[in-house]
Amino acid sequence: MSMIHKFFRSLTKHNGFKGKSMRIIDDNDLNMRSPLKIAEGFYIESNRSANAILNYCKLIIEKFDGVEELSSYKLKAV
């Protein structure tokens, strides 16, 4: 099992990605309104507000060791 596969598998069990009625990241798309396939056998719910999606992105970055130093994000008014 590759490192990225193990990482995504850990996200499917992480409490930070557990929504009120469905998981935000899961290994199937059965209980998602608008699933996006992010890797083979891994899906993310895309029916969320922009703020919620940004917060989930931040959480993914925090959980993936070494990525924090390589990433940044910035909000700007449009």
C-alpha atoms as a PDB file:
ATOM      1  CA  MET A   1       0.000   0.000   0.000  1.00  0.00           C
ATOM      2  CA  SER A   2       1.488   3.365  -1.031  1.00  0.00           C
ATOM      3  CA  MET A   3       2.045   6.240   1.387  1.00  0.00           C
ATOM      4  CA  ILE A   4      -0.660   8.358  -0.281  1.00  0.00           C
ATOM      5  CA  HIS A   5      -3.102   5.436  -0.128  1.00  0.00           C
ATOM      6  CA  LYS A   6      -2.407   5.015   3.597  1.00  0.00           C
ATOM      7  CA  PHE A   7      -2.857   8.757   4.083  1.00  0.00           C
ATOM      8  CA  PHE A   8      -6.275   8.825   2.373  1.00  0.00           C
ATOM      9  CA  ARG A   9      -7.316   5.689   4.263  1.00  0.00           C
ATOM     10  CA  SER A  10      -6.482   7.463   7.547  1.00  0.00           C
ATOM     11  CA  LEU A  11      -8.670  10.423   6.523  1.00  0.00           C
ATOM     12  CA  THR A  12     -11.676   8.124   6.058  1.00  0.00           C
ATOM     13  CA  LYS A  13     -11.393   7.221   9.753  1.00  0.00           C
ATOM     14  CA  HIS A  14     -10.489  10.706  11.082  1.00  0.00           C
ATOM     15  CA  ASN A  15     -13.179  12.355  13.246  1.00  0.00           C
ATOM     16  CA  GLY A  16     -12.440  15.755  11.688  1.00  0.00           C
ATOM     17  CA  PHE A  17     -14.040  14.544   8.451  1.00  0.00           C
ATOM     18  CA  LYS A  18     -17.231  13.255  10.039  1.00  0.00           C
ATOM     19  CA  GLY A  19     -20.188  15.446   9.089  1.00  0.00           C
ATOM     20  CA  LYS A  20     -23.543  15.548  10.845  1.00  0.00           C
ATOM     21  CA  SER A  21     -25.169  12.950   8.615  1.00  0.00           C
ATOM     22  CA  MET A  22     -22.327  11.733   6.365  1.00  0.00           C
ATOM     23  CA  ARG A  23     -18.564  11.512   6.143  1.00  0.00           C
ATOM     24  CA  ILE A  24     -16.799  14.297   4.258  1.00  0.00           C
ATOM     25  CA  ILE A  25     -14.074  11.941   3.004  1.00  0.00           C
ATOM     26  CA  ASP A  26     -14.915   8.275   2.555  1.00  0.00           C
ATOM     27  CA  ASP A  27     -13.922   5.191   0.602  1.00  0.00           C
ATOM     28  CA  ASN A  28     -17.325   5.080  -1.119  1.00  0.00           C
ATOM     29  CA  ASP A  29     -19.764   7.663  -2.430  1.00  0.00           C
ATOM     30  CA  LEU A  30     -22.994   5.994  -1.299  1.00  0.00           C
ATOM     31  CA  ASN A  31     -24.066   8.581   1.298  1.00  0.00           C
ATOM     32  CA  MET A  32     -22.766  11.716  -0.449  1.00  0.00           C
ATOM     33  CA  ARG A  33     -24.826  14.350  -2.251  1.00  0.00           C
ATOM     34  CA  SER A  34     -22.075  15.541  -4.628  1.00  0.00           C
ATOM     35  CA  PRO A  35     -19.061  13.213  -4.375  1.00  0.00           C
ATOM     36  CA  LEU A  36     -15.787  13.968  -6.142  1.00  0.00           C
ATOM     37  CA  LYS A  37     -13.349  11.128  -6.711  1.00  0.00           C
ATOM     38  CA  ILE A  38      -9.952  12.273  -5.390  1.00  0.00           C
ATOM     39  CA  ALA A  39      -8.108   8.966  -5.748  1.00  0.00           C
ATOM     40  CA  GLU A  40      -8.953   5.368  -6.552  1.00  0.00           C
ATOM     41  CA  GLY A  41     -11.520   4.345  -3.940  1.00  0.00           C
ATOM     42  CA  PHE A  42     -11.598   7.739  -2.171  1.00  0.00           C
ATOM     43  CA  TYR A  43     -14.274  10.419  -2.424  1.00  0.00           C
ATOM     44  CA  ILE A  44     -14.834  13.865  -0.936  1.00  0.00           C
ATOM     45  CA  GLU A  45     -18.184  15.590  -0.493  1.00  0.00           C
ATOM     46  CA  SER A  46     -18.245  18.768  -2.583  1.00  0.00           C
ATOM     47  CA  ASN A  47     -21.662  20.051  -1.478  1.00  0.00           C
ATOM     48  CA  ARG A  48     -20.226  22.377   1.195  1.00  0.00           C
ATOM     49  CA  SER A  49     -19.758  26.105   1.675  1.00  0.00           C
ATOM     50  CA  ALA A  50     -16.511  27.731   0.556  1.00  0.00           C
ATOM     51  CA  ASN A  51     -15.524  28.258   4.209  1.00  0.00           C
ATOM     52  CA  ALA A  52     -16.150  24.603   5.053  1.00  0.00           C
ATOM     53  CA  ILE A  53     -14.112  23.432   2.052  1.00  0.00           C
ATOM     54  CA  LEU A  54     -11.237  25.738   3.042  1.00  0.00           C
ATOM     55  CA  ASN A  55     -11.322  24.366   6.592  1.00  0.00           C
ATOM     56  CA  TYR A  56     -11.223  20.781   5.311  1.00  0.00           C
ATOM     57  CA  CYS A  57      -8.286  21.683   3.054  1.00  0.00           C
ATOM     58  CA  LYS A  58      -6.460  23.149   6.058  1.00  0.00           C
ATOM     59  CA  LEU A  59      -7.137  19.963   8.031  1.00  0.00           C
ATOM     60  CA  ILE A  60      -5.794  17.781   5.209  1.00  0.00           C
ATOM     61  CA  ILE A  61      -2.649  19.909   5.021  1.00  0.00           C
ATOM     62  CA  GLU A  62      -2.163  19.651   8.800  1.00  0.00           C
ATOM     63  CA  LYS A  63      -2.528  15.853   8.713  1.00  0.00           C
ATOM     64  CA  PHE A  64      -0.139  15.287   5.787  1.00  0.00           C
ATOM     65  CA  ASP A  65       3.335  15.518   7.347  1.00  0.00           C
ATOM     66  CA  GLY A  66       5.659  17.869   5.511  1.00  0.00           C
ATOM     67  CA  VAL A  67       3.004  19.551   3.365  1.00  0.00           C
ATOM     68  CA  GLU A  68       2.443  22.509   5.698  1.00  0.00           C
ATOM     69  CA  GLU A  69       5.820  23.972   4.750  1.00  0.00           C
ATOM     70  CA  LEU A  70       5.059  23.572   1.038  1.00  0.00           C
ATOM     71  CA  SER A  71       1.570  25.057   1.000  1.00  0.00           C
ATOM     72  CA  SER A  72      -0.144  28.348   1.632  1.00  0.00           C
ATOM     73  CA  TYR A  73      -3.594  29.764   1.219  1.00  0.00           C
ATOM     74  CA  LYS A  74      -4.938  33.266   1.074  1.00  0.00           C
ATOM     75  CA  LEU A  75      -8.441  34.657   1.120  1.00  0.00           C
ATOM     76  CA  LYS A  76      -9.314  37.744  -0.825  1.00  0.00           C
ATOM     77  CA  ALA A  77     -12.489  39.663  -1.413  1.00  0.00           C
ATOM     78  CA  VAL A  78     -14.060  39.326  -4.840  1.00  0.00           C
END
